Amino acid sequence: MKEITEITSIEMAHEFLEKNELSFLYVSRPECSVCHAILPKLRELLDAYPQIHLGHIDANVVEEVASQFLIFTVPVMLLMAGQREYIRADRFVVFDRLQEQLEQIYTLHQERYL
């Protein structure tokens, strides 16, 4: 399964995005049952994309994440290229659609940097 970087501050989140060309931020709360169900599926899906780095943010710990990334509910998944958001999926995720979107962006990114 895809390795997760635990992000514990908003500064750490920005550093994570700057360091990794393609980043997937997963924002959740410990008391969210949907969050717990989705994370293993997301990690499995991202295994197919080795250049996408996965970062997890607990919204209870990093409260600023809501205002910085305009998050109104959890879980939220954001695919970022640098500081730019390409995919936003929240609450009830259709993984087939998410995979299609990931494939398109990942392929374009690969072509751009080959």
Protein backbone atom coordinates (compact mmCIF):
# COMPACT_ATOMS: atom_id res chain seq x y z
CA MET A 1 0.00 0.00 0.00
CA LYS A 2 1.03 3.58 -0.69
CA GLU A 3 3.16 5.15 2.04
CA ILE A 4 1.57 8.06 3.91
CA THR A 5 3.30 11.19 5.16
CA GLU A 6 1.62 12.53 8.30
CA ILE A 7 1.29 16.30 8.05
CA THR A 8 0.94 18.02 11.42
CA SER A 9 1.03 21.74 10.57
CA ILE A 10 -0.05 24.02 7.77
CA GLU A 11 3.61 24.89 7.14
CA MET A 12 4.38 21.20 6.76
CA ALA A 13 1.52 20.92 4.25
CA HIS A 14 2.97 23.71 2.12
CA GLU A 15 6.45 22.17 2.32
CA PHE A 16 5.00 18.80 1.25
CA LEU A 17 3.37 20.43 -1.78
CA GLU A 18 6.54 22.31 -2.72
CA LYS A 19 8.74 19.23 -2.35
CA ASN A 20 6.58 16.88 -4.43
CA GLU A 21 5.57 17.67 -8.01
CA LEU A 22 2.42 15.54 -7.66
CA SER A 23 0.80 15.36 -4.23
CA PHE A 24 -2.41 13.86 -2.96
CA LEU A 25 -3.65 15.39 0.29
CA TYR A 26 -6.11 13.35 2.32
CA VAL A 27 -7.89 15.39 5.00
CA SER A 28 -9.87 13.54 7.64
CA ARG A 29 -10.95 13.49 11.28
CA PRO A 30 -10.52 10.53 13.66
CA GLU A 31 -14.24 10.40 14.52
CA CYS A 32 -15.25 10.11 10.82
CA SER A 33 -16.21 6.53 9.90
CA VAL A 34 -16.30 7.34 6.18
CA CYS A 35 -12.71 8.62 6.46
CA HIS A 36 -11.56 5.30 7.89
CA ALA A 37 -13.32 3.32 5.15
CA ILE A 38 -11.95 5.37 2.24
CA LEU A 39 -8.28 5.62 3.20
CA PRO A 40 -7.31 1.97 2.48
CA LYS A 41 -9.04 2.15 -0.92
CA LEU A 42 -7.23 5.38 -1.73
CA ARG A 43 -3.85 3.92 -0.72
CA GLU A 44 -4.47 0.90 -2.91
CA LEU A 45 -5.51 3.07 -5.88
CA LEU A 46 -2.44 5.29 -5.55
CA ASP A 47 -0.10 2.28 -5.66
CA ALA A 48 -0.45 2.44 -9.44
CA TYR A 49 0.95 5.98 -9.48
CA PRO A 50 4.47 5.95 -8.01
CA GLN A 51 5.13 9.66 -8.62
CA ILE A 52 2.11 10.77 -6.59
CA HIS A 53 2.98 11.31 -2.93
CA LEU A 54 0.24 10.86 -0.32
CA GLY A 55 -0.02 13.20 2.65
CA HIS A 56 -2.56 12.84 5.47
CA ILE A 57 -3.86 15.78 7.48
CA ASP A 58 -5.96 15.35 10.62
CA ALA A 59 -8.30 18.36 10.50
CA ASN A 60 -8.57 18.29 14.31
CA VAL A 61 -4.79 18.81 14.61
CA VAL A 62 -4.28 21.21 11.68
CA GLU A 63 -7.36 23.39 12.00
CA GLU A 64 -6.03 25.93 9.47
CA VAL A 65 -6.41 23.34 6.71
CA ALA A 66 -10.11 24.23 6.40
CA SER A 67 -9.47 27.86 5.53
CA GLN A 68 -6.27 27.31 3.53
CA PHE A 69 -7.85 24.69 1.22
CA LEU A 70 -11.54 25.68 1.50
CA ILE A 71 -12.61 22.43 3.17
CA PHE A 72 -16.15 22.22 4.51
CA THR A 73 -16.49 18.48 5.14
CA VAL A 74 -14.31 15.41 5.55
CA PRO A 75 -12.94 13.34 4.04
CA VAL A 76 -11.49 15.51 1.31
CA MET A 77 -8.95 14.34 -1.26
CA LEU A 78 -6.96 16.87 -3.24
CA LEU A 79 -4.61 16.07 -6.09
CA MET A 80 -2.13 18.92 -6.35
CA ALA A 81 0.59 19.67 -8.86
CA GLY A 82 2.78 22.14 -7.06
CA GLN A 83 0.35 24.59 -5.45
CA ARG A 84 -2.37 24.02 -8.06
CA GLU A 85 -5.41 21.84 -7.37
CA TYR A 86 -6.39 19.40 -10.14
CA ILE A 87 -8.82 17.05 -8.42
CA ARG A 88 -11.09 17.52 -5.43
CA ALA A 89 -13.17 14.63 -4.16
CA ASP A 90 -15.07 14.66 -0.90
CA ARG A 91 -17.35 12.69 1.36
CA PHE A 92 -18.68 9.91 -0.90
CA VAL A 93 -16.09 9.14 -3.56
CA VAL A 94 -16.78 7.26 -6.78
CA PHE A 95 -13.44 5.50 -7.13
CA ASP A 96 -13.93 4.55 -10.79
CA ARG A 97 -14.32 8.23 -11.67
CA LEU A 98 -11.40 9.20 -9.43
CA GLN A 99 -9.21 6.61 -11.17
CA GLU A 100 -10.16 7.99 -14.61
CA GLN A 101 -9.26 11.51 -13.52
CA LEU A 102 -5.98 10.36 -11.98
CA GLU A 103 -5.05 8.45 -15.11
CA GLN A 104 -5.64 11.48 -17.34
CA ILE A 105 -3.64 13.87 -15.18
CA TYR A 106 -0.86 11.38 -14.50
CA THR A 107 -0.46 10.58 -18.20
CA LEU A 108 -0.34 14.27 -19.12
CA HIS A 109 2.19 14.89 -16.37
CA GLN A 110 4.38 12.00 -17.56
CA GLU A 111 4.32 13.26 -21.16
CA ARG A 112 5.18 16.78 -20.02
CA TYR A 113 8.28 15.68 -18.09
CA LEU A 114 9.67 13.00 -20.43
